[in-house]
Amino acid sequence: MPSRLDLDLSRTSVFLDFDGTVTAHDTGVYLCERLAPPEWKELDAQYAAGLIGSRECVLSEWDLLPRDADRLRALAREVAIDPDFPRLVEALRREGAEVTVVSDGFGFYAEEVCARLGVALLANTVDWSTFRLEFPHEDRCCACSTCGTCKQAPIKDARYAGRTAVLVGDGTSDRKAALLADVLFAKGNLAQWCEVSGIAYVPFVNLGDVFEELLGDHQ
């Protein structure tokens, strides 16, 4: 079937959230559910309500997790990757699109997945020698100054370069970027927020839906 969105993909930059978008479930939540004391739930609720920023939230949750790199990596690998992710990335690249994963979680598990496909990644990182969570992409141009990874910045860069910016996301960390994207794919909490806020979006369930919307019969 033909694609439903009439985009020049050679002039398009596609930004995909990681947790809950590239993955079937939020990896950070999975780790906290398995390894952290119950306090993490209150932090998550405060973040969703806008009482704290993502950087404060992930730092505080990271401090609740055990300092055991092998255990954390092993558990993170239990979270399934959307099976259409590799197909979507390959097809977009073939059509000339730029593809970047933007993540505001703990970062290390996104690094592993993206490295396998050679996908560009903007994410928080872990210094395993000190077990310190670091923010190499924090708030470069975002007025709120509370994000771990500023998802607005790469979208602004793409649009400044004359490219169409497409965002695919599902959660709270995607809201600010959603305000700037030329095309927004949303599901879950992000879709609910878009409905309440009156923001136009394309609904999706999985990345196969995004593939059909962007690429259609471009197999």
N, C-alpha and C. Protein backbone atom coordinates (compact mmCIF):
# COMPACT_ATOMS: atom_id res chain seq x y z
N MET A 1 0.84 -1.19 0.00
CA MET A 1 0.00 0.00 0.00
C MET A 1 0.88 1.24 0.00
N PRO A 2 0.43 2.36 -0.58
CA PRO A 2 1.22 3.59 -0.57
C PRO A 2 1.29 4.18 0.82
N SER A 3 2.33 5.02 1.06
CA SER A 3 2.43 5.71 2.34
C SER A 3 1.28 6.70 2.47
N ARG A 4 0.89 6.97 3.70
CA ARG A 4 -0.23 7.87 3.94
C ARG A 4 0.22 9.32 4.12
N LEU A 5 1.49 9.52 4.41
CA LEU A 5 2.01 10.87 4.60
C LEU A 5 2.89 11.23 3.41
N ASP A 6 2.61 12.35 2.81
CA ASP A 6 3.33 12.77 1.61
C ASP A 6 4.56 13.56 2.02
N LEU A 7 5.63 12.85 2.37
CA LEU A 7 6.86 13.48 2.82
C LEU A 7 8.00 13.16 1.87
N ASP A 8 8.87 14.12 1.67
CA ASP A 8 10.12 13.87 0.96
C ASP A 8 11.10 13.34 2.01
N LEU A 9 11.24 12.03 2.05
CA LEU A 9 12.04 11.43 3.11
C LEU A 9 13.52 11.79 3.01
N SER A 10 13.97 12.18 1.82
CA SER A 10 15.36 12.60 1.69
C SER A 10 15.61 13.93 2.39
N ARG A 11 14.52 14.63 2.75
CA ARG A 11 14.62 15.89 3.48
C ARG A 11 13.95 15.79 4.84
N THR A 12 13.93 14.58 5.37
CA THR A 12 13.22 14.33 6.64
C THR A 12 14.16 13.77 7.69
N SER A 13 14.01 14.23 8.91
CA SER A 13 14.74 13.69 10.06
C SER A 13 13.73 13.06 11.00
N VAL A 14 13.92 11.78 11.29
CA VAL A 14 12.99 11.03 12.14
C VAL A 14 13.64 10.80 13.50
N PHE A 15 12.96 11.21 14.55
CA PHE A 15 13.44 11.07 15.92
C PHE A 15 12.53 10.10 16.66
N LEU A 16 13.11 9.03 17.18
CA LEU A 16 12.33 8.03 17.89
C LEU A 16 12.70 8.00 19.37
N ASP A 17 11.70 8.14 20.22
CA ASP A 17 11.88 7.87 21.64
C ASP A 17 12.30 6.41 21.79
N PHE A 18 12.95 6.07 22.89
CA PHE A 18 13.40 4.69 23.07
C PHE A 18 12.43 3.88 23.94
N ASP A 19 12.31 4.26 25.20
CA ASP A 19 11.51 3.48 26.15
C ASP A 19 10.03 3.55 25.83
N GLY A 20 9.44 2.40 25.54
CA GLY A 20 8.03 2.34 25.22
C GLY A 20 7.72 2.61 23.76
N THR A 21 8.74 2.99 22.98
CA THR A 21 8.58 3.24 21.56
C THR A 21 9.40 2.24 20.76
N VAL A 22 10.72 2.31 20.91
CA VAL A 22 11.58 1.27 20.33
C VAL A 22 11.42 -0.03 21.12
N THR A 23 11.22 0.11 22.43
CA THR A 23 10.99 -1.07 23.26
C THR A 23 9.50 -1.26 23.51
N ALA A 24 9.14 -2.50 23.82
CA ALA A 24 7.72 -2.81 24.09
C ALA A 24 7.26 -2.19 25.41
N HIS A 25 8.17 -2.04 26.35
CA HIS A 25 7.86 -1.47 27.66
C HIS A 25 8.99 -0.51 28.05
N ASP A 26 8.73 0.33 29.02
CA ASP A 26 9.73 1.27 29.51
C ASP A 26 10.80 0.51 30.29
N THR A 27 12.03 0.52 29.79
CA THR A 27 13.11 -0.25 30.41
C THR A 27 13.45 0.26 31.79
N GLY A 28 13.47 1.58 31.96
CA GLY A 28 13.77 2.14 33.27
C GLY A 28 12.74 1.74 34.31
N VAL A 29 11.47 1.76 33.92
CA VAL A 29 10.41 1.32 34.83
C VAL A 29 10.59 -0.15 35.18
N TYR A 30 10.95 -0.94 34.18
CA TYR A 30 11.16 -2.38 34.42
C TYR A 30 12.27 -2.60 35.44
N LEU A 31 13.36 -1.87 35.31
CA LEU A 31 14.46 -2.01 36.26
C LEU A 31 14.04 -1.59 37.66
N CYS A 32 13.31 -0.48 37.74
CA CYS A 32 12.86 -0.01 39.05
C CYS A 32 11.87 -0.98 39.69
N GLU A 33 10.98 -1.52 38.88
CA GLU A 33 10.01 -2.49 39.41
C GLU A 33 10.71 -3.72 39.97
N ARG A 34 11.79 -4.11 39.34
CA ARG A 34 12.48 -5.33 39.75
C ARG A 34 13.50 -5.10 40.88
N LEU A 35 14.11 -3.91 40.90
CA LEU A 35 15.28 -3.75 41.76
C LEU A 35 15.20 -2.60 42.77
N ALA A 36 14.33 -1.64 42.57
CA ALA A 36 14.33 -0.44 43.43
C ALA A 36 13.28 -0.56 44.54
N PRO A 37 13.49 0.13 45.65
CA PRO A 37 12.46 0.22 46.69
C PRO A 37 11.28 1.04 46.19
N PRO A 38 10.15 0.98 46.88
CA PRO A 38 8.91 1.62 46.38
C PRO A 38 8.99 3.12 46.17
N GLU A 39 9.99 3.78 46.73
CA GLU A 39 10.07 5.23 46.60
C GLU A 39 10.11 5.70 45.14
N TRP A 40 10.56 4.85 44.23
CA TRP A 40 10.67 5.26 42.84
C TRP A 40 9.31 5.63 42.25
N LYS A 41 8.24 5.02 42.75
CA LYS A 41 6.92 5.29 42.20
C LYS A 41 6.48 6.72 42.48
N GLU A 42 6.82 7.23 43.64
CA GLU A 42 6.48 8.61 43.97
C GLU A 42 7.28 9.58 43.10
N LEU A 43 8.54 9.26 42.83
CA LEU A 43 9.34 10.09 41.93
C LEU A 43 8.73 10.13 40.54
N ASP A 44 8.31 8.97 40.07
CA ASP A 44 7.70 8.88 38.74
C ASP A 44 6.40 9.70 38.69
N ALA A 45 5.62 9.63 39.76
CA ALA A 45 4.36 10.38 39.80
C ALA A 45 4.62 11.89 39.83
N GLN A 46 5.64 12.31 40.57
CA GLN A 46 5.97 13.73 40.62
C GLN A 46 6.43 14.23 39.25
N TYR A 47 7.18 13.41 38.55
CA TYR A 47 7.64 13.79 37.21
C TYR A 47 6.45 13.91 36.25
N ALA A 48 5.57 12.93 36.26
CA ALA A 48 4.40 12.95 35.37
C ALA A 48 3.51 14.16 35.64
N ALA A 49 3.48 14.59 36.92
CA ALA A 49 2.65 15.74 37.29
C ALA A 49 3.35 17.08 37.05
N GLY A 50 4.60 17.04 36.62
CA GLY A 50 5.33 18.27 36.36
C GLY A 50 5.92 18.92 37.59
N LEU A 51 5.99 18.18 38.70
CA LEU A 51 6.53 18.75 39.94
C LEU A 51 8.05 18.71 39.97
N ILE A 52 8.64 17.77 39.24
CA ILE A 52 10.10 17.71 39.11
C ILE A 52 10.42 17.45 37.63
N GLY A 53 11.64 17.78 37.24
CA GLY A 53 12.06 17.56 35.87
C GLY A 53 12.60 16.16 35.67
N SER A 54 12.83 15.80 34.44
CA SER A 54 13.30 14.45 34.14
C SER A 54 14.69 14.19 34.70
N ARG A 55 15.55 15.21 34.69
CA ARG A 55 16.91 15.01 35.19
C ARG A 55 16.89 14.66 36.67
N GLU A 56 16.12 15.39 37.46
CA GLU A 56 16.00 15.08 38.88
C GLU A 56 15.39 13.71 39.10
N CYS A 57 14.39 13.37 38.29
CA CYS A 57 13.71 12.09 38.43
C CYS A 57 14.65 10.92 38.17
N VAL A 58 15.35 10.94 37.03
CA VAL A 58 16.20 9.80 36.70
C VAL A 58 17.41 9.71 37.61
N LEU A 59 17.93 10.85 38.05
CA LEU A 59 19.04 10.82 39.01
C LEU A 59 18.62 10.16 40.32
N SER A 60 17.46 10.55 40.81
CA SER A 60 16.97 10.01 42.08
C SER A 60 16.63 8.53 41.95
N GLU A 61 16.05 8.14 40.82
CA GLU A 61 15.73 6.72 40.62
C GLU A 61 17.00 5.91 40.44
N TRP A 62 17.99 6.46 39.74
CA TRP A 62 19.26 5.76 39.55
C TRP A 62 19.92 5.48 40.90
N ASP A 63 19.82 6.41 41.82
CA ASP A 63 20.42 6.23 43.14
C ASP A 63 19.74 5.12 43.94
N LEU A 64 18.52 4.74 43.54
CA LEU A 64 17.80 3.67 44.24
C LEU A 64 18.17 2.28 43.72
N LEU A 65 18.86 2.23 42.58
CA LEU A 65 19.19 0.94 41.98
C LEU A 65 20.52 0.41 42.51
N PRO A 66 20.71 -0.90 42.51
CA PRO A 66 21.97 -1.48 43.00
C PRO A 66 23.13 -1.14 42.07
N ARG A 67 24.29 -0.98 42.64
CA ARG A 67 25.49 -0.67 41.85
C ARG A 67 26.07 -1.98 41.31
N ASP A 68 25.34 -2.58 40.40
CA ASP A 68 25.70 -3.89 39.85
C ASP A 68 25.47 -3.83 38.34
N ALA A 69 26.51 -3.50 37.58
CA ALA A 69 26.38 -3.29 36.15
C ALA A 69 25.90 -4.54 35.43
N ASP A 70 26.45 -5.69 35.79
CA ASP A 70 26.08 -6.94 35.11
C ASP A 70 24.60 -7.25 35.31
N ARG A 71 24.11 -7.06 36.52
CA ARG A 71 22.71 -7.36 36.81
C ARG A 71 21.79 -6.39 36.08
N LEU A 72 22.15 -5.11 36.07
CA LEU A 72 21.33 -4.11 35.38
C LEU A 72 21.28 -4.37 33.88
N ARG A 73 22.42 -4.67 33.29
CA ARG A 73 22.46 -4.94 31.86
C ARG A 73 21.65 -6.18 31.51
N ALA A 74 21.77 -7.23 32.33
CA ALA A 74 21.05 -8.47 32.05
C ALA A 74 19.54 -8.26 32.12
N LEU A 75 19.08 -7.53 33.12
CA LEU A 75 17.65 -7.27 33.24
C LEU A 75 17.15 -6.39 32.10
N ALA A 76 17.93 -5.38 31.72
CA ALA A 76 17.51 -4.49 30.64
C ALA A 76 17.33 -5.25 29.34
N ARG A 77 18.15 -6.27 29.12
CA ARG A 77 18.05 -7.06 27.89
C ARG A 77 16.80 -7.93 27.85
N GLU A 78 16.11 -8.06 28.97
CA GLU A 78 14.86 -8.83 28.99
C GLU A 78 13.70 -8.05 28.36
N VAL A 79 13.85 -6.75 28.22
CA VAL A 79 12.78 -5.93 27.64
C VAL A 79 12.83 -6.06 26.12
N ALA A 80 11.72 -6.46 25.53
CA ALA A 80 11.66 -6.73 24.10
C ALA A 80 11.77 -5.46 23.26
N ILE A 81 12.45 -5.58 22.13
CA ILE A 81 12.54 -4.51 21.15
C ILE A 81 11.43 -4.71 20.13
N ASP A 82 10.81 -3.62 19.70
CA ASP A 82 9.78 -3.71 18.66
C ASP A 82 10.40 -4.41 17.44
N PRO A 83 9.82 -5.49 16.96
CA PRO A 83 10.43 -6.25 15.86
C PRO A 83 10.52 -5.45 14.56
N ASP A 84 9.72 -4.39 14.42
CA ASP A 84 9.77 -3.59 13.21
C ASP A 84 10.80 -2.47 13.27
N PHE A 85 11.50 -2.33 14.38
CA PHE A 85 12.49 -1.27 14.50
C PHE A 85 13.59 -1.39 13.46
N PRO A 86 14.25 -2.55 13.30
CA PRO A 86 15.30 -2.64 12.28
C PRO A 86 14.78 -2.38 10.87
N ARG A 87 13.60 -2.91 10.57
CA ARG A 87 13.02 -2.73 9.24
C ARG A 87 12.72 -1.25 8.97
N LEU A 88 12.19 -0.57 9.97
CA LEU A 88 11.88 0.85 9.82
C LEU A 88 13.14 1.66 9.59
N VAL A 89 14.17 1.40 10.40
CA VAL A 89 15.43 2.15 10.27
C VAL A 89 16.04 1.92 8.89
N GLU A 90 16.10 0.67 8.45
CA GLU A 90 16.70 0.35 7.16
C GLU A 90 15.96 1.03 6.01
N ALA A 91 14.63 0.96 6.05
CA ALA A 91 13.84 1.55 4.96
C ALA A 91 13.95 3.07 4.94
N LEU A 92 13.93 3.70 6.09
CA LEU A 92 14.07 5.16 6.15
C LEU A 92 15.42 5.59 5.60
N ARG A 93 16.46 4.89 5.99
CA ARG A 93 17.79 5.23 5.49
C ARG A 93 17.87 5.05 3.97
N ARG A 94 17.27 4.00 3.47
CA ARG A 94 17.29 3.74 2.03
C ARG A 94 16.62 4.87 1.26
N GLU A 95 15.62 5.50 1.88
CA GLU A 95 14.92 6.61 1.23
C GLU A 95 15.61 7.95 1.49
N GLY A 96 16.72 7.93 2.24
CA GLY A 96 17.49 9.15 2.46
C GLY A 96 17.17 9.91 3.72
N ALA A 97 16.32 9.35 4.58
CA ALA A 97 15.98 10.03 5.83
C ALA A 97 17.10 9.88 6.86
N GLU A 98 17.18 10.86 7.74
CA GLU A 98 18.06 10.75 8.90
C GLU A 98 17.27 10.13 10.05
N VAL A 99 17.87 9.20 10.77
CA VAL A 99 17.19 8.52 11.88
C VAL A 99 18.02 8.68 13.14
N THR A 100 17.38 9.15 14.21
CA THR A 100 18.04 9.34 15.49
C THR A 100 17.12 8.88 16.61
N VAL A 101 17.68 8.14 17.56
CA VAL A 101 16.94 7.79 18.77
C VAL A 101 17.26 8.84 19.83
N VAL A 102 16.21 9.35 20.48
CA VAL A 102 16.37 10.34 21.54
C VAL A 102 15.78 9.75 22.82
N SER A 103 16.62 9.62 23.84
CA SER A 103 16.17 8.94 25.06
C SER A 103 16.52 9.75 26.29
N ASP A 104 15.57 9.80 27.24
CA ASP A 104 15.82 10.52 28.49
C ASP A 104 15.76 9.58 29.68
N GLY A 105 16.12 8.31 29.45
CA GLY A 105 16.18 7.34 30.54
C GLY A 105 17.60 7.15 31.03
N PHE A 106 17.91 5.94 31.48
CA PHE A 106 19.25 5.66 32.01
C PHE A 106 20.30 5.52 30.90
N GLY A 107 19.85 5.28 29.68
CA GLY A 107 20.74 5.40 28.53
C GLY A 107 21.52 4.17 28.12
N PHE A 108 22.05 3.42 29.08
CA PHE A 108 23.00 2.36 28.72
C PHE A 108 22.36 1.28 27.85
N TYR A 109 21.10 0.97 28.08
CA TYR A 109 20.46 -0.08 27.30
C TYR A 109 20.14 0.41 25.88
N ALA A 110 19.84 1.70 25.73
CA ALA A 110 19.63 2.26 24.40
C ALA A 110 20.93 2.22 23.60
N GLU A 111 22.05 2.43 24.28
CA GLU A 111 23.35 2.38 23.61
C GLU A 111 23.58 1.02 22.96
N GLU A 112 23.26 -0.05 23.69
CA GLU A 112 23.48 -1.39 23.16
C GLU A 112 22.64 -1.64 21.92
N VAL A 113 21.36 -1.29 21.99
CA VAL A 113 20.45 -1.54 20.87
C VAL A 113 20.83 -0.71 19.65
N CYS A 114 21.09 0.56 19.85
CA CYS A 114 21.41 1.44 18.73
C CYS A 114 22.77 1.09 18.10
N ALA A 115 23.71 0.67 18.92
CA ALA A 115 25.03 0.30 18.39
C ALA A 115 24.93 -0.86 17.42
N ARG A 116 24.03 -1.80 17.69
CA ARG A 116 23.89 -2.96 16.81
C ARG A 116 23.44 -2.56 15.42
N LEU A 117 22.64 -1.50 15.32
CA LEU A 117 22.12 -1.06 14.03
C LEU A 117 22.85 0.18 13.50
N GLY A 118 23.79 0.68 14.26
CA GLY A 118 24.49 1.88 13.84
C GLY A 118 23.60 3.11 13.79
N VAL A 119 22.63 3.17 14.72
CA VAL A 119 21.69 4.29 14.76
C VAL A 119 22.23 5.39 15.67
N ALA A 120 22.15 6.62 15.21
CA ALA A 120 22.57 7.75 16.04
C ALA A 120 21.71 7.81 17.29
N LEU A 121 22.34 8.14 18.41
CA LEU A 121 21.64 8.16 19.70
C LEU A 121 22.01 9.41 20.49
N LEU A 122 20.99 10.09 21.01
CA LEU A 122 21.16 11.16 21.98
C LEU A 122 20.54 10.67 23.27
N ALA A 123 21.35 10.46 24.30
CA ALA A 123 20.84 9.85 25.53
C ALA A 123 21.73 10.20 26.70
N ASN A 124 21.20 9.98 27.89
CA ASN A 124 22.00 10.05 29.10
C ASN A 124 22.95 8.86 29.11
N THR A 125 24.04 8.97 29.84
CA THR A 125 25.04 7.90 29.85
C THR A 125 25.44 7.56 31.29
N VAL A 126 26.00 6.37 31.44
CA VAL A 126 26.48 5.92 32.74
C VAL A 126 28.00 5.77 32.70
N ASP A 127 28.69 6.39 33.63
CA ASP A 127 30.11 6.14 33.84
C ASP A 127 30.20 4.97 34.81
N TRP A 128 30.46 3.78 34.27
CA TRP A 128 30.43 2.58 35.11
C TRP A 128 31.56 2.53 36.12
N SER A 129 32.63 3.29 35.89
CA SER A 129 33.74 3.29 36.85
C SER A 129 33.36 3.99 38.14
N THR A 130 32.44 4.94 38.05
CA THR A 130 31.98 5.67 39.24
C THR A 130 30.50 5.43 39.52
N PHE A 131 29.83 4.76 38.59
CA PHE A 131 28.40 4.52 38.65
C PHE A 131 27.61 5.82 38.63
N ARG A 132 28.19 6.81 37.97
CA ARG A 132 27.57 8.13 37.89
C ARG A 132 26.73 8.25 36.62
N LEU A 133 25.51 8.77 36.75
CA LEU A 133 24.65 9.05 35.61
C LEU A 133 24.97 10.45 35.10
N GLU A 134 25.28 10.55 33.81
CA GLU A 134 25.72 11.81 33.24
C GLU A 134 24.79 12.26 32.12
N PHE A 135 24.84 13.57 31.81
CA PHE A 135 23.87 14.17 30.90
C PHE A 135 24.57 14.97 29.80
N PRO A 136 25.14 14.30 28.82
CA PRO A 136 25.86 15.02 27.76
C PRO A 136 24.98 15.82 26.82
N HIS A 137 23.66 15.60 26.86
CA HIS A 137 22.76 16.31 25.94
C HIS A 137 21.70 17.10 26.71
N GLU A 138 22.05 17.60 27.88
CA GLU A 138 21.05 18.28 28.71
C GLU A 138 20.78 19.70 28.23
N ASP A 139 19.52 20.02 28.07
CA ASP A 139 18.98 21.37 27.97
C ASP A 139 19.81 22.37 27.19
N ARG A 140 20.28 21.98 26.04
CA ARG A 140 21.11 22.87 25.24
C ARG A 140 20.34 24.12 24.80
N CYS A 141 19.05 23.98 24.58
CA CYS A 141 18.28 25.14 24.11
C CYS A 141 16.89 25.20 24.73
N CYS A 142 16.65 24.36 25.73
CA CYS A 142 15.31 24.28 26.31
C CYS A 142 15.21 25.23 27.52
N ALA A 143 14.23 26.09 27.48
CA ALA A 143 14.10 27.11 28.54
C ALA A 143 13.81 26.51 29.90
N CYS A 144 13.28 25.27 29.94
CA CYS A 144 12.92 24.70 31.24
C CYS A 144 14.13 24.31 32.07
N SER A 145 15.25 23.98 31.42
CA SER A 145 16.50 23.61 32.11
C SER A 145 16.33 22.49 33.12
N THR A 146 15.44 21.55 32.86
CA THR A 146 15.22 20.45 33.80
C THR A 146 15.35 19.07 33.15
N CYS A 147 15.53 19.03 31.84
CA CYS A 147 15.58 17.73 31.14
C CYS A 147 16.96 17.09 31.25
N GLY A 148 16.99 15.77 31.19
CA GLY A 148 18.25 15.06 31.10
C GLY A 148 18.78 15.15 29.68
N THR A 149 17.99 14.68 28.73
CA THR A 149 18.28 14.84 27.30
C THR A 149 17.26 15.81 26.73
N CYS A 150 17.73 16.91 26.16
CA CYS A 150 16.83 17.89 25.57
C CYS A 150 16.38 17.39 24.20
N LYS A 151 15.13 16.97 24.10
CA LYS A 151 14.62 16.45 22.84
C LYS A 151 14.18 17.56 21.88
N GLN A 152 14.03 18.77 22.39
CA GLN A 152 13.72 19.88 21.50
C GLN A 152 14.91 20.28 20.64
N ALA A 153 16.11 20.18 21.19
CA ALA A 153 17.30 20.68 20.50
C ALA A 153 17.50 20.06 19.13
N PRO A 154 17.50 18.73 18.97
CA PRO A 154 17.73 18.18 17.63
C PRO A 154 16.61 18.48 16.66
N ILE A 155 15.39 18.63 17.17
CA ILE A 155 14.27 18.99 16.29
C ILE A 155 14.46 20.41 15.78
N LYS A 156 14.88 21.31 16.65
CA LYS A 156 15.15 22.68 16.21
C LYS A 156 16.28 22.71 15.18
N ASP A 157 17.31 21.89 15.41
CA ASP A 157 18.43 21.83 14.47
C ASP A 157 17.97 21.35 13.10
N ALA A 158 17.14 20.30 13.10
CA ALA A 158 16.65 19.75 11.83
C ALA A 158 15.82 20.79 11.08
N ARG A 159 14.93 21.46 11.78
CA ARG A 159 14.08 22.44 11.12
C ARG A 159 14.89 23.64 10.62
N TYR A 160 15.88 24.03 11.40
CA TYR A 160 16.76 25.13 10.97
C TYR A 160 17.49 24.77 9.68
N ALA A 161 17.80 23.48 9.52
CA ALA A 161 18.49 23.00 8.31
C ALA A 161 17.53 22.78 7.15
N GLY A 162 16.25 23.10 7.36
CA GLY A 162 15.28 22.97 6.29
C GLY A 162 14.72 21.57 6.13
N ARG A 163 14.87 20.74 7.16
CA ARG A 163 14.38 19.38 7.11
C ARG A 163 13.03 19.26 7.83
N THR A 164 12.24 18.29 7.42
CA THR A 164 10.98 17.99 8.10
C THR A 164 11.30 17.13 9.31
N ALA A 165 10.84 17.54 10.49
CA ALA A 165 11.13 16.81 11.73
C ALA A 165 9.94 15.94 12.12
N VAL A 166 10.18 14.66 12.21
CA VAL A 166 9.16 13.69 12.62
C VAL A 166 9.55 13.14 13.98
N LEU A 167 8.63 13.17 14.93
CA LEU A 167 8.86 12.62 16.25
C LEU A 167 7.92 11.45 16.49
N VAL A 168 8.48 10.36 17.02
CA VAL A 168 7.69 9.18 17.38
C VAL A 168 7.90 8.92 18.86
N GLY A 169 6.82 9.03 19.66
CA GLY A 169 7.00 8.89 21.10
C GLY A 169 5.76 8.43 21.82
N ASP A 170 5.93 8.25 23.14
CA ASP A 170 4.81 7.70 23.92
C ASP A 170 4.65 8.29 25.31
N GLY A 171 5.60 9.12 25.77
CA GLY A 171 5.54 9.47 27.19
C GLY A 171 5.80 10.93 27.51
N THR A 172 5.95 11.17 28.81
CA THR A 172 6.11 12.53 29.34
C THR A 172 7.33 13.23 28.77
N SER A 173 8.42 12.52 28.59
CA SER A 173 9.65 13.15 28.12
C SER A 173 9.56 13.64 26.68
N ASP A 174 8.50 13.25 25.97
CA ASP A 174 8.34 13.65 24.57
C ASP A 174 7.47 14.89 24.41
N ARG A 175 6.89 15.39 25.49
CA ARG A 175 5.90 16.47 25.36
C ARG A 175 6.48 17.74 24.77
N LYS A 176 7.60 18.20 25.30
CA LYS A 176 8.16 19.47 24.81
C LYS A 176 8.57 19.36 23.35
N ALA A 177 9.16 18.23 22.98
CA ALA A 177 9.55 18.03 21.58
C ALA A 177 8.33 17.94 20.68
N ALA A 178 7.25 17.38 21.21
CA ALA A 178 6.01 17.24 20.43
C ALA A 178 5.48 18.59 19.98
N LEU A 179 5.76 19.62 20.75
CA LEU A 179 5.28 20.96 20.41
C LEU A 179 5.98 21.53 19.18
N LEU A 180 7.14 20.98 18.84
CA LEU A 180 7.95 21.52 17.74
C LEU A 180 7.96 20.66 16.50
N ALA A 181 7.62 19.38 16.63
CA ALA A 181 7.71 18.46 15.50
C ALA A 181 6.75 18.84 14.39
N ASP A 182 7.19 18.66 13.15
CA ASP A 182 6.32 18.89 11.99
C ASP A 182 5.27 17.78 11.88
N VAL A 183 5.68 16.56 12.19
CA VAL A 183 4.78 15.41 12.20
C VAL A 183 5.02 14.67 13.50
N LEU A 184 3.95 14.37 14.21
CA LEU A 184 4.05 13.70 15.51
C LEU A 184 3.28 12.38 15.49
N PHE A 185 3.98 11.31 15.81
CA PHE A 185 3.35 10.02 16.07
C PHE A 185 3.29 9.85 17.58
N ALA A 186 2.11 9.52 18.10
CA ALA A 186 1.97 9.41 19.55
C ALA A 186 1.11 8.22 19.94
N LYS A 187 1.44 7.64 21.07
CA LYS A 187 0.61 6.60 21.68
C LYS A 187 0.71 6.76 23.19
N GLY A 188 -0.04 5.95 23.92
CA GLY A 188 0.06 5.92 25.37
C GLY A 188 -0.22 7.27 26.01
N ASN A 189 0.59 7.59 27.02
CA ASN A 189 0.40 8.84 27.76
C ASN A 189 0.58 10.08 26.90
N LEU A 190 1.47 9.98 25.92
CA LEU A 190 1.68 11.14 25.04
C LEU A 190 0.44 11.41 24.21
N ALA A 191 -0.20 10.37 23.70
CA ALA A 191 -1.42 10.55 22.92
C ALA A 191 -2.52 11.16 23.78
N GLN A 192 -2.63 10.69 25.03
CA GLN A 192 -3.64 11.23 25.93
C GLN A 192 -3.39 12.72 26.19
N TRP A 193 -2.14 13.07 26.39
CA TRP A 193 -1.77 14.47 26.62
C TRP A 193 -2.08 15.32 25.39
N CYS A 194 -1.81 14.79 24.19
CA CYS A 194 -2.11 15.51 22.96
C CYS A 194 -3.61 15.78 22.84
N GLU A 195 -4.42 14.79 23.20
CA GLU A 195 -5.87 14.96 23.14
C GLU A 195 -6.31 16.10 24.05
N VAL A 196 -5.82 16.10 25.27
CA VAL A 196 -6.20 17.13 26.24
C VAL A 196 -5.68 18.50 25.82
N SER A 197 -4.49 18.51 25.22
CA SER A 197 -3.83 19.77 24.87
C SER A 197 -4.21 20.28 23.49
N GLY A 198 -4.96 19.50 22.73
CA GLY A 198 -5.35 19.93 21.40
C GLY A 198 -4.22 19.92 20.40
N ILE A 199 -3.28 18.98 20.54
CA ILE A 199 -2.13 18.88 19.64
C ILE A 199 -2.38 17.77 18.63
N ALA A 200 -2.21 18.10 17.36
CA ALA A 200 -2.44 17.12 16.29
C ALA A 200 -1.37 16.04 16.33
N TYR A 201 -1.79 14.80 16.12
CA TYR A 201 -0.84 13.68 16.10
C TYR A 201 -1.40 12.55 15.26
N VAL A 202 -0.50 11.66 14.86
CA VAL A 202 -0.87 10.43 14.16
C VAL A 202 -0.79 9.30 15.18
N PRO A 203 -1.88 8.62 15.47
CA PRO A 203 -1.84 7.54 16.46
C PRO A 203 -1.11 6.32 15.91
N PHE A 204 -0.43 5.61 16.79
CA PHE A 204 0.20 4.35 16.40
C PHE A 204 0.20 3.40 17.57
N VAL A 205 0.28 2.12 17.27
CA VAL A 205 0.36 1.09 18.30
C VAL A 205 1.77 0.54 18.40
N ASN A 206 2.40 0.34 17.24
CA ASN A 206 3.77 -0.16 17.19
C ASN A 206 4.48 0.45 15.99
N LEU A 207 5.76 0.13 15.82
CA LEU A 207 6.53 0.75 14.75
C LEU A 207 6.14 0.24 13.37
N GLY A 208 5.42 -0.87 13.31
CA GLY A 208 4.87 -1.30 12.04
C GLY A 208 3.87 -0.29 11.51
N ASP A 209 3.10 0.31 12.41
CA ASP A 209 2.15 1.36 12.02
C ASP A 209 2.89 2.59 11.48
N VAL A 210 3.98 2.94 12.13
CA VAL A 210 4.78 4.09 11.68
C VAL A 210 5.38 3.79 10.30
N PHE A 211 5.82 2.56 10.11
CA PHE A 211 6.36 2.15 8.81
C PHE A 211 5.33 2.37 7.71
N GLU A 212 4.11 1.92 7.94
CA GLU A 212 3.06 2.04 6.92
C GLU A 212 2.73 3.50 6.63
N GLU A 213 2.72 4.31 7.66
CA GLU A 213 2.39 5.73 7.47
C GLU A 213 3.49 6.46 6.68
N LEU A 214 4.74 6.14 6.98
CA LEU A 214 5.85 6.86 6.36
C LEU A 214 6.32 6.25 5.05
N LEU A 215 6.21 4.93 4.94
CA LEU A 215 6.84 4.25 3.81
C LEU A 215 5.90 3.43 2.94
N GLY A 216 4.79 2.97 3.53
CA GLY A 216 3.83 2.21 2.75
C GLY A 216 4.45 1.02 2.06
N ASP A 217 4.40 1.00 0.73
CA ASP A 217 4.90 -0.15 -0.02
C ASP A 217 6.37 -0.03 -0.39
N HIS A 218 7.09 0.89 0.25
CA HIS A 218 8.54 0.99 0.01
C HIS A 218 9.26 -0.08 0.81
N GLN A 219 9.21 -1.29 0.35
CA GLN A 219 9.80 -2.41 1.08
C GLN A 219 11.30 -2.50 0.83
